[in-house]
Amino acid sequence: MKKLLFSLAIALALTSCSTTRTGALSTPAYAPRAEINPIRANVEIDMSKKLMGESTSSYFLIFQVGGGNKFADGMSYSSDTNLSFLFRARENKTKSAAAYNAIQNSGADIIVHPNYIVEIHDYLLFKQIKVKVTGYAGYFKKFYQKEYKDNDDVQLKLDLSSKK
């Protein structure tokens, strides 16, 4: 019996989980009161190339017991508000996995006009979320910034009438 428990403990210790994330569209910088000249991009859309991806996640209580472990970072969903993100975290995670599956082997840089179909099967202790995403292949062609001028969108007010 001790050998069985010892073998089980070793098997659990050697078992691991992994997660892969792909990040995009990020320019982290923290500078209070500093304006960052936004980066713009020209995107070519291939309307003849439709992207499609699917993902299914399964949850027991609050624990994920099945589903994708590769996600597309930087995804935002138009239906998100500040509080809805907390309640839709599982759904958004599954959407992100579906987006990863759609773009993974397509050669595209982004999914243009993504449409998500979400099916949620909610049982007493078990929840299954199925997501299918479709959209068009988008390719970045050129990145650029608008030329900055000292007087762009800046109004300087001087109070010359102050008394000393």
N, C-alpha and C. Protein backbone atom coordinates (compact mmCIF):
# COMPACT_ATOMS: atom_id res chain seq x y z
N MET A 1 0.82 -1.19 0.00
CA MET A 1 0.00 0.00 0.00
C MET A 1 0.87 1.26 0.00
N LYS A 2 1.98 1.20 0.79
CA LYS A 2 2.89 2.34 0.84
C LYS A 2 3.53 2.57 -0.52
N LYS A 3 3.85 1.48 -1.22
CA LYS A 3 4.46 1.60 -2.54
C LYS A 3 3.49 2.26 -3.53
N LEU A 4 2.22 1.90 -3.42
CA LEU A 4 1.20 2.49 -4.31
C LEU A 4 1.07 3.99 -4.04
N LEU A 5 1.00 4.39 -2.77
CA LEU A 5 0.91 5.81 -2.43
C LEU A 5 2.17 6.56 -2.84
N PHE A 6 3.33 5.94 -2.64
CA PHE A 6 4.59 6.57 -3.04
C PHE A 6 4.65 6.74 -4.56
N SER A 7 4.22 5.73 -5.29
CA SER A 7 4.21 5.80 -6.76
C SER A 7 3.23 6.88 -7.24
N LEU A 8 2.10 6.97 -6.60
CA LEU A 8 1.12 7.98 -6.95
C LEU A 8 1.66 9.38 -6.66
N ALA A 9 2.34 9.55 -5.53
CA ALA A 9 2.92 10.85 -5.18
C ALA A 9 3.99 11.25 -6.19
N ILE A 10 4.80 10.32 -6.62
CA ILE A 10 5.86 10.61 -7.62
C ILE A 10 5.22 10.96 -8.95
N ALA A 11 4.18 10.23 -9.34
CA ALA A 11 3.50 10.50 -10.61
C ALA A 11 2.89 11.90 -10.59
N LEU A 12 2.28 12.30 -9.49
CA LEU A 12 1.70 13.64 -9.38
C LEU A 12 2.78 14.72 -9.40
N ALA A 13 3.92 14.43 -8.77
CA ALA A 13 5.01 15.42 -8.74
C ALA A 13 5.61 15.63 -10.13
N LEU A 14 5.62 14.60 -10.95
CA LEU A 14 6.21 14.70 -12.28
C LEU A 14 5.23 15.23 -13.32
N THR A 15 3.97 15.29 -12.98
CA THR A 15 2.96 15.79 -13.90
C THR A 15 2.96 17.32 -13.85
N SER A 16 2.87 17.94 -15.00
CA SER A 16 2.85 19.40 -15.02
C SER A 16 1.89 19.89 -16.09
N CYS A 17 1.56 21.14 -16.00
CA CYS A 17 0.72 21.79 -16.99
C CYS A 17 1.54 22.89 -17.65
N SER A 18 1.19 23.21 -18.87
CA SER A 18 1.90 24.30 -19.54
C SER A 18 0.90 25.19 -20.26
N THR A 19 1.27 26.44 -20.41
CA THR A 19 0.45 27.41 -21.11
C THR A 19 1.34 28.21 -22.03
N THR A 20 0.86 28.45 -23.24
CA THR A 20 1.60 29.27 -24.20
C THR A 20 0.74 30.46 -24.56
N ARG A 21 1.32 31.64 -24.55
CA ARG A 21 0.60 32.84 -24.93
C ARG A 21 1.38 33.54 -26.04
N THR A 22 0.66 34.15 -26.95
CA THR A 22 1.26 34.94 -28.02
C THR A 22 0.80 36.37 -27.84
N GLY A 23 1.72 37.27 -27.66
CA GLY A 23 1.37 38.66 -27.44
C GLY A 23 1.52 39.49 -28.69
N ALA A 24 0.68 40.52 -28.81
CA ALA A 24 0.75 41.41 -29.96
C ALA A 24 0.13 42.75 -29.60
N LEU A 25 0.40 43.72 -30.41
CA LEU A 25 -0.20 45.05 -30.30
C LEU A 25 -0.01 45.64 -28.90
N SER A 26 1.24 45.74 -28.48
CA SER A 26 1.50 46.25 -27.15
C SER A 26 2.65 47.25 -27.20
N THR A 27 2.48 48.37 -26.53
CA THR A 27 3.54 49.34 -26.39
C THR A 27 3.55 49.81 -24.94
N PRO A 28 4.10 48.99 -24.05
CA PRO A 28 4.06 49.38 -22.65
C PRO A 28 5.04 50.51 -22.36
N ALA A 29 4.55 51.53 -21.72
CA ALA A 29 5.39 52.64 -21.30
C ALA A 29 4.65 53.36 -20.18
N TYR A 30 5.36 53.70 -19.15
CA TYR A 30 4.74 54.44 -18.08
C TYR A 30 5.50 55.75 -17.92
N ALA A 31 4.85 56.79 -18.22
CA ALA A 31 5.42 58.12 -18.05
C ALA A 31 4.27 59.06 -17.75
N PRO A 32 4.07 59.40 -16.49
CA PRO A 32 2.95 60.28 -16.17
C PRO A 32 3.09 61.62 -16.90
N ARG A 33 1.99 62.10 -17.41
CA ARG A 33 1.90 63.38 -18.10
C ARG A 33 2.66 63.40 -19.42
N ALA A 34 3.10 62.27 -19.91
CA ALA A 34 3.79 62.23 -21.20
C ALA A 34 2.81 61.73 -22.25
N GLU A 35 2.82 62.38 -23.39
CA GLU A 35 1.99 61.93 -24.49
C GLU A 35 2.83 61.08 -25.42
N ILE A 36 2.26 59.95 -25.82
CA ILE A 36 2.96 59.05 -26.72
C ILE A 36 2.34 59.21 -28.09
N ASN A 37 3.18 59.45 -29.06
CA ASN A 37 2.73 59.57 -30.44
C ASN A 37 2.27 58.18 -30.88
N PRO A 38 0.98 58.01 -31.20
CA PRO A 38 0.47 56.66 -31.49
C PRO A 38 1.07 56.05 -32.76
N ILE A 39 1.26 54.76 -32.69
CA ILE A 39 1.74 54.01 -33.85
C ILE A 39 0.53 53.62 -34.68
N ARG A 40 0.60 53.86 -35.95
CA ARG A 40 -0.49 53.53 -36.87
C ARG A 40 0.00 52.45 -37.81
N ALA A 41 -0.94 51.75 -38.42
CA ALA A 41 -0.57 50.66 -39.32
C ALA A 41 -1.48 50.63 -40.53
N ASN A 42 -0.91 50.31 -41.66
CA ASN A 42 -1.70 50.00 -42.85
C ASN A 42 -1.91 48.50 -42.85
N VAL A 43 -3.16 48.09 -42.96
CA VAL A 43 -3.50 46.67 -42.93
C VAL A 43 -4.13 46.29 -44.26
N GLU A 44 -3.60 45.23 -44.86
CA GLU A 44 -4.19 44.70 -46.09
C GLU A 44 -5.10 43.54 -45.70
N ILE A 45 -6.34 43.58 -46.17
CA ILE A 45 -7.31 42.56 -45.83
C ILE A 45 -7.55 41.68 -47.04
N ASP A 46 -7.38 40.38 -46.85
CA ASP A 46 -7.64 39.41 -47.92
C ASP A 46 -9.06 38.88 -47.73
N MET A 47 -10.01 39.45 -48.47
CA MET A 47 -11.42 39.07 -48.33
C MET A 47 -11.69 37.66 -48.87
N SER A 48 -10.74 37.10 -49.60
CA SER A 48 -10.95 35.75 -50.12
C SER A 48 -10.45 34.69 -49.14
N LYS A 49 -9.73 35.11 -48.10
CA LYS A 49 -9.19 34.16 -47.13
C LYS A 49 -9.93 34.31 -45.81
N LYS A 50 -10.80 33.37 -45.53
CA LYS A 50 -11.60 33.37 -44.30
C LYS A 50 -10.87 32.52 -43.25
N LEU A 51 -10.68 33.08 -42.08
CA LEU A 51 -10.06 32.35 -40.98
C LEU A 51 -11.14 31.76 -40.09
N MET A 52 -10.88 30.58 -39.53
CA MET A 52 -11.82 29.95 -38.63
C MET A 52 -11.06 29.19 -37.56
N GLY A 53 -11.52 29.31 -36.34
CA GLY A 53 -10.91 28.57 -35.23
C GLY A 53 -11.97 28.19 -34.22
N GLU A 54 -11.72 27.09 -33.52
CA GLU A 54 -12.65 26.61 -32.50
C GLU A 54 -11.89 26.25 -31.25
N SER A 55 -12.58 26.33 -30.13
CA SER A 55 -12.00 25.88 -28.87
C SER A 55 -13.14 25.49 -27.93
N THR A 56 -12.88 24.51 -27.11
CA THR A 56 -13.84 24.04 -26.11
C THR A 56 -13.12 23.96 -24.77
N SER A 57 -13.73 24.52 -23.73
CA SER A 57 -13.18 24.44 -22.38
C SER A 57 -14.21 23.80 -21.47
N SER A 58 -13.72 22.98 -20.55
CA SER A 58 -14.58 22.31 -19.58
C SER A 58 -14.14 22.69 -18.18
N TYR A 59 -15.11 22.96 -17.32
CA TYR A 59 -14.83 23.36 -15.94
C TYR A 59 -15.62 22.50 -14.98
N PHE A 60 -14.96 22.08 -13.90
CA PHE A 60 -15.60 21.41 -12.78
C PHE A 60 -15.46 22.36 -11.60
N LEU A 61 -16.59 22.82 -11.08
CA LEU A 61 -16.63 23.88 -10.07
C LEU A 61 -15.94 25.11 -10.67
N ILE A 62 -14.81 25.54 -10.11
CA ILE A 62 -14.10 26.69 -10.67
C ILE A 62 -12.82 26.28 -11.38
N PHE A 63 -12.57 24.97 -11.48
CA PHE A 63 -11.31 24.47 -12.03
C PHE A 63 -11.48 24.05 -13.48
N GLN A 64 -10.54 24.47 -14.33
CA GLN A 64 -10.56 24.04 -15.72
C GLN A 64 -10.01 22.62 -15.78
N VAL A 65 -10.79 21.72 -16.37
CA VAL A 65 -10.38 20.32 -16.46
C VAL A 65 -10.10 19.92 -17.91
N GLY A 66 -10.38 20.79 -18.85
CA GLY A 66 -10.09 20.49 -20.24
C GLY A 66 -10.20 21.75 -21.08
N GLY A 67 -9.47 21.75 -22.17
CA GLY A 67 -9.54 22.90 -23.06
C GLY A 67 -8.18 23.31 -23.55
N GLY A 68 -8.15 24.39 -24.29
CA GLY A 68 -6.91 24.86 -24.89
C GLY A 68 -5.93 25.39 -23.87
N ASN A 69 -4.65 25.30 -24.21
CA ASN A 69 -3.62 25.87 -23.36
C ASN A 69 -2.73 26.83 -24.15
N LYS A 70 -3.20 27.25 -25.34
CA LYS A 70 -2.51 28.25 -26.14
C LYS A 70 -3.51 29.35 -26.46
N PHE A 71 -3.09 30.60 -26.22
CA PHE A 71 -4.03 31.72 -26.30
C PHE A 71 -3.43 32.86 -27.10
N ALA A 72 -4.28 33.65 -27.70
CA ALA A 72 -3.87 34.87 -28.39
C ALA A 72 -4.04 36.03 -27.42
N ASP A 73 -2.94 36.65 -27.02
CA ASP A 73 -3.00 37.79 -26.11
C ASP A 73 -3.42 39.04 -26.86
N GLY A 74 -3.86 40.03 -26.13
CA GLY A 74 -4.21 41.30 -26.73
C GLY A 74 -5.58 41.33 -27.36
N MET A 75 -6.40 40.32 -27.10
CA MET A 75 -7.74 40.28 -27.66
C MET A 75 -8.65 41.15 -26.81
N SER A 76 -9.53 41.90 -27.45
CA SER A 76 -10.55 42.64 -26.72
C SER A 76 -11.89 42.35 -27.39
N TYR A 77 -12.90 42.34 -26.59
CA TYR A 77 -14.22 41.96 -27.08
C TYR A 77 -15.16 43.13 -26.84
N SER A 78 -15.90 43.50 -27.85
CA SER A 78 -16.74 44.70 -27.79
C SER A 78 -17.81 44.62 -26.71
N SER A 79 -18.16 43.45 -26.27
CA SER A 79 -19.21 43.31 -25.26
C SER A 79 -18.67 43.47 -23.84
N ASP A 80 -17.37 43.64 -23.69
CA ASP A 80 -16.79 43.75 -22.35
C ASP A 80 -17.02 45.13 -21.75
N THR A 81 -17.40 45.13 -20.49
CA THR A 81 -17.42 46.34 -19.69
C THR A 81 -16.55 46.04 -18.48
N ASN A 82 -16.40 47.01 -17.60
CA ASN A 82 -15.51 46.80 -16.45
C ASN A 82 -15.90 45.60 -15.60
N LEU A 83 -17.18 45.45 -15.29
CA LEU A 83 -17.60 44.35 -14.43
C LEU A 83 -17.85 43.06 -15.19
N SER A 84 -18.28 43.16 -16.45
CA SER A 84 -18.59 41.93 -17.19
C SER A 84 -17.35 41.09 -17.42
N PHE A 85 -16.17 41.74 -17.44
CA PHE A 85 -14.93 40.98 -17.62
C PHE A 85 -14.75 39.96 -16.50
N LEU A 86 -15.12 40.33 -15.29
CA LEU A 86 -14.97 39.42 -14.16
C LEU A 86 -15.86 38.19 -14.32
N PHE A 87 -17.07 38.40 -14.84
CA PHE A 87 -18.01 37.30 -14.96
C PHE A 87 -17.78 36.48 -16.23
N ARG A 88 -17.11 37.05 -17.20
CA ARG A 88 -16.89 36.37 -18.48
C ARG A 88 -15.45 35.92 -18.68
N ALA A 89 -14.68 35.81 -17.64
CA ALA A 89 -13.27 35.46 -17.77
C ALA A 89 -13.08 34.10 -18.44
N ARG A 90 -13.87 33.12 -18.07
CA ARG A 90 -13.76 31.79 -18.68
C ARG A 90 -14.13 31.84 -20.16
N GLU A 91 -15.20 32.56 -20.46
CA GLU A 91 -15.64 32.69 -21.85
C GLU A 91 -14.57 33.41 -22.68
N ASN A 92 -14.00 34.48 -22.14
CA ASN A 92 -12.97 35.23 -22.86
C ASN A 92 -11.70 34.39 -23.06
N LYS A 93 -11.39 33.56 -22.10
CA LYS A 93 -10.23 32.68 -22.23
C LYS A 93 -10.45 31.68 -23.37
N THR A 94 -11.65 31.16 -23.50
CA THR A 94 -11.98 30.24 -24.57
C THR A 94 -12.00 30.96 -25.91
N LYS A 95 -12.50 32.20 -25.94
CA LYS A 95 -12.46 33.00 -27.16
C LYS A 95 -11.02 33.22 -27.61
N SER A 96 -10.15 33.52 -26.65
CA SER A 96 -8.75 33.75 -26.95
C SER A 96 -8.08 32.49 -27.52
N ALA A 97 -8.45 31.33 -27.00
CA ALA A 97 -7.91 30.07 -27.53
C ALA A 97 -8.42 29.81 -28.94
N ALA A 98 -9.69 30.14 -29.21
CA ALA A 98 -10.24 29.98 -30.56
C ALA A 98 -9.54 30.91 -31.54
N ALA A 99 -9.28 32.15 -31.12
CA ALA A 99 -8.57 33.11 -31.98
C ALA A 99 -7.16 32.62 -32.28
N TYR A 100 -6.50 32.05 -31.27
CA TYR A 100 -5.16 31.48 -31.49
C TYR A 100 -5.23 30.37 -32.53
N ASN A 101 -6.21 29.50 -32.41
CA ASN A 101 -6.35 28.39 -33.37
C ASN A 101 -6.64 28.90 -34.77
N ALA A 102 -7.37 30.01 -34.89
CA ALA A 102 -7.71 30.55 -36.21
C ALA A 102 -6.49 31.14 -36.90
N ILE A 103 -5.64 31.79 -36.14
CA ILE A 103 -4.54 32.53 -36.75
C ILE A 103 -3.24 31.72 -36.80
N GLN A 104 -3.15 30.66 -36.03
CA GLN A 104 -1.91 29.90 -35.85
C GLN A 104 -1.21 29.54 -37.15
N ASN A 105 -1.84 28.85 -38.04
CA ASN A 105 -1.18 28.38 -39.26
C ASN A 105 -1.66 29.10 -40.51
N SER A 106 -2.27 30.27 -40.33
CA SER A 106 -2.84 30.97 -41.48
C SER A 106 -1.84 31.88 -42.18
N GLY A 107 -0.80 32.31 -41.48
CA GLY A 107 0.13 33.27 -42.04
C GLY A 107 -0.34 34.70 -41.87
N ALA A 108 -1.55 34.89 -41.37
CA ALA A 108 -2.10 36.23 -41.18
C ALA A 108 -1.55 36.83 -39.89
N ASP A 109 -1.58 38.17 -39.83
CA ASP A 109 -1.13 38.87 -38.63
C ASP A 109 -2.27 39.12 -37.65
N ILE A 110 -3.48 39.38 -38.18
CA ILE A 110 -4.63 39.67 -37.33
C ILE A 110 -5.89 39.09 -37.95
N ILE A 111 -6.91 38.94 -37.12
CA ILE A 111 -8.24 38.54 -37.60
C ILE A 111 -9.05 39.82 -37.74
N VAL A 112 -9.50 40.10 -38.95
CA VAL A 112 -10.28 41.30 -39.21
C VAL A 112 -11.76 40.95 -39.13
N HIS A 113 -12.50 41.76 -38.40
CA HIS A 113 -13.93 41.58 -38.20
C HIS A 113 -14.25 40.17 -37.67
N PRO A 114 -13.70 39.85 -36.49
CA PRO A 114 -13.99 38.52 -35.92
C PRO A 114 -15.43 38.42 -35.44
N ASN A 115 -16.04 37.28 -35.71
CA ASN A 115 -17.40 36.99 -35.22
C ASN A 115 -17.31 35.73 -34.38
N TYR A 116 -17.82 35.81 -33.16
CA TYR A 116 -17.75 34.70 -32.22
C TYR A 116 -19.13 34.08 -32.04
N ILE A 117 -19.18 32.77 -32.09
CA ILE A 117 -20.38 32.02 -31.74
C ILE A 117 -20.04 31.26 -30.46
N VAL A 118 -20.77 31.54 -29.41
CA VAL A 118 -20.48 30.97 -28.09
C VAL A 118 -21.63 30.09 -27.66
N GLU A 119 -21.31 28.85 -27.29
CA GLU A 119 -22.30 27.93 -26.70
C GLU A 119 -21.85 27.61 -25.29
N ILE A 120 -22.74 27.81 -24.33
CA ILE A 120 -22.42 27.49 -22.94
C ILE A 120 -23.41 26.46 -22.44
N HIS A 121 -22.88 25.35 -21.99
CA HIS A 121 -23.68 24.29 -21.38
C HIS A 121 -23.34 24.29 -19.89
N ASP A 122 -24.28 24.72 -19.09
CA ASP A 122 -24.05 24.88 -17.66
C ASP A 122 -24.87 23.85 -16.89
N TYR A 123 -24.16 22.98 -16.19
CA TYR A 123 -24.80 21.96 -15.38
C TYR A 123 -24.56 22.32 -13.92
N LEU A 124 -25.00 21.51 -13.00
CA LEU A 124 -24.91 21.82 -11.60
C LEU A 124 -23.46 22.09 -11.16
N LEU A 125 -22.55 21.19 -11.42
CA LEU A 125 -21.15 21.34 -11.01
C LEU A 125 -20.20 21.44 -12.19
N PHE A 126 -20.72 21.32 -13.39
CA PHE A 126 -19.89 21.22 -14.58
C PHE A 126 -20.33 22.28 -15.59
N LYS A 127 -19.37 22.87 -16.29
CA LYS A 127 -19.66 23.88 -17.30
C LYS A 127 -18.78 23.61 -18.52
N GLN A 128 -19.40 23.67 -19.70
CA GLN A 128 -18.65 23.50 -20.93
C GLN A 128 -18.91 24.71 -21.83
N ILE A 129 -17.83 25.31 -22.34
CA ILE A 129 -17.92 26.49 -23.20
C ILE A 129 -17.30 26.13 -24.54
N LYS A 130 -18.09 26.30 -25.62
CA LYS A 130 -17.62 26.06 -26.99
C LYS A 130 -17.64 27.39 -27.73
N VAL A 131 -16.54 27.73 -28.38
CA VAL A 131 -16.45 28.98 -29.12
C VAL A 131 -15.94 28.70 -30.53
N LYS A 132 -16.60 29.32 -31.50
CA LYS A 132 -16.15 29.26 -32.89
C LYS A 132 -15.98 30.70 -33.36
N VAL A 133 -14.83 31.03 -33.92
CA VAL A 133 -14.56 32.37 -34.41
C VAL A 133 -14.29 32.31 -35.92
N THR A 134 -14.85 33.27 -36.65
CA THR A 134 -14.57 33.42 -38.07
C THR A 134 -14.24 34.88 -38.33
N GLY A 135 -13.41 35.11 -39.33
CA GLY A 135 -13.03 36.47 -39.70
C GLY A 135 -12.17 36.42 -40.94
N TYR A 136 -11.67 37.55 -41.34
CA TYR A 136 -10.83 37.65 -42.54
C TYR A 136 -9.37 37.80 -42.15
N ALA A 137 -8.50 37.36 -43.03
CA ALA A 137 -7.06 37.45 -42.80
C ALA A 137 -6.59 38.88 -43.03
N GLY A 138 -5.87 39.41 -42.08
CA GLY A 138 -5.30 40.75 -42.19
C GLY A 138 -3.79 40.68 -42.08
N TYR A 139 -3.11 41.52 -42.88
CA TYR A 139 -1.65 41.52 -42.92
C TYR A 139 -1.16 42.96 -42.71
N PHE A 140 -0.23 43.16 -41.78
CA PHE A 140 0.34 44.47 -41.58
C PHE A 140 1.30 44.76 -42.72
N LYS A 141 1.14 45.92 -43.36
CA LYS A 141 2.00 46.29 -44.49
C LYS A 141 2.97 47.40 -44.13
N LYS A 142 2.56 48.33 -43.28
CA LYS A 142 3.42 49.46 -42.96
C LYS A 142 3.03 50.00 -41.58
N PHE A 143 4.05 50.25 -40.77
CA PHE A 143 3.84 50.92 -39.49
C PHE A 143 4.42 52.33 -39.60
N TYR A 144 3.73 53.29 -39.03
CA TYR A 144 4.23 54.66 -39.09
C TYR A 144 3.63 55.47 -37.96
N GLN A 145 4.21 56.64 -37.75
CA GLN A 145 3.68 57.59 -36.78
C GLN A 145 3.44 58.92 -37.48
N LYS A 146 2.39 59.58 -37.08
CA LYS A 146 2.12 60.92 -37.61
C LYS A 146 3.26 61.82 -37.16
N GLU A 147 3.73 62.65 -38.05
CA GLU A 147 4.83 63.53 -37.70
C GLU A 147 4.41 64.47 -36.58
N TYR A 148 5.22 64.57 -35.57
CA TYR A 148 4.91 65.38 -34.40
C TYR A 148 5.35 66.81 -34.63
N LYS A 149 4.51 67.76 -34.25
CA LYS A 149 4.84 69.18 -34.29
C LYS A 149 4.65 69.72 -32.88
N ASP A 150 5.45 70.67 -32.52
CA ASP A 150 5.37 71.22 -31.16
C ASP A 150 4.00 71.78 -30.82
N ASN A 151 3.29 72.32 -31.77
CA ASN A 151 2.02 72.96 -31.49
C ASN A 151 0.81 72.05 -31.70
N ASP A 152 1.00 70.79 -31.96
CA ASP A 152 -0.12 69.87 -32.17
C ASP A 152 -0.94 69.71 -30.90
N ASP A 153 -2.19 70.06 -30.99
CA ASP A 153 -3.15 69.83 -29.91
C ASP A 153 -2.70 70.39 -28.56
N VAL A 154 -1.89 71.42 -28.56
CA VAL A 154 -1.43 71.99 -27.30
C VAL A 154 -1.85 73.46 -27.26
N GLN A 155 -2.45 73.84 -26.19
CA GLN A 155 -2.80 75.24 -25.98
C GLN A 155 -2.10 75.70 -24.72
N LEU A 156 -1.29 76.71 -24.89
CA LEU A 156 -0.52 77.23 -23.76
C LEU A 156 -1.14 78.55 -23.33
N LYS A 157 -1.50 78.66 -22.09
CA LYS A 157 -2.10 79.88 -21.56
C LYS A 157 -1.13 80.49 -20.54
N LEU A 158 -0.80 81.72 -20.78
CA LEU A 158 0.09 82.43 -19.86
C LEU A 158 -0.71 83.51 -19.16
N ASP A 159 -0.48 83.66 -17.87
CA ASP A 159 -1.14 84.70 -17.12
C ASP A 159 -0.13 85.83 -16.92
N LEU A 160 -0.16 86.81 -17.81
CA LEU A 160 0.78 87.91 -17.76
C LEU A 160 0.31 89.02 -16.84
N SER A 161 -0.90 88.98 -16.38
CA SER A 161 -1.43 90.05 -15.56
C SER A 161 -1.24 89.82 -14.06
N SER A 162 -0.52 88.80 -13.71
CA SER A 162 -0.33 88.54 -12.28
C SER A 162 0.58 89.61 -11.67
N LYS A 163 0.26 90.01 -10.45
CA LYS A 163 1.00 91.06 -9.76
C LYS A 163 1.99 90.42 -8.81
N LYS A 164 3.12 91.05 -8.75
CA LYS A 164 4.17 90.51 -7.86
C LYS A 164 4.23 91.31 -6.60
